[in-house]
Amino acid sequence: TTHLSEVKALKHDQSQVLGTCIFSFAFVITIPTWAHEKHQSVNTQLAVWPSIVGSVVLKVTFGIFALFTFNHLSGSNILTKLTSLHEPLLIRICGYLFNVGGILCGIPPVCIMIRNN
């Protein structure tokens, strides 16, 4: 059985959680570029916060379901577990597609940010 006490965000030591959240959203490079490009009539609060809240809800939901699905990750992350040879082929394919898809989707925005900075 899996308990919510295994969720790192609910544990006493938050040192790994904050860094993961900040770097996961890449605020340091995306927000300044976006603020420079946005039109003055765009409401910053309405543009930024709903997307952040939606992303957080999806990531937390995915993480909780992953915790319940794979009882104990024993220190490894979910992507390592998804691509493990001990998992069925379909799960491994999905794990690899998630990895590649995440990288490929991040290339165009980074190119735009590099050009603008």
Foldseek 3Di string as FASTA:
>chain_A
DADPQPPQVPDPDCVVVVVCLCVVVVCVQPVVLCVVPDDPVDDPCVVPVVVSVVVVVVVVVVVVVLCVVVVDPPPDDSLCVQLDPVDDPVSNVVSVCVVVVVVVVPVVVVVSSVVRD
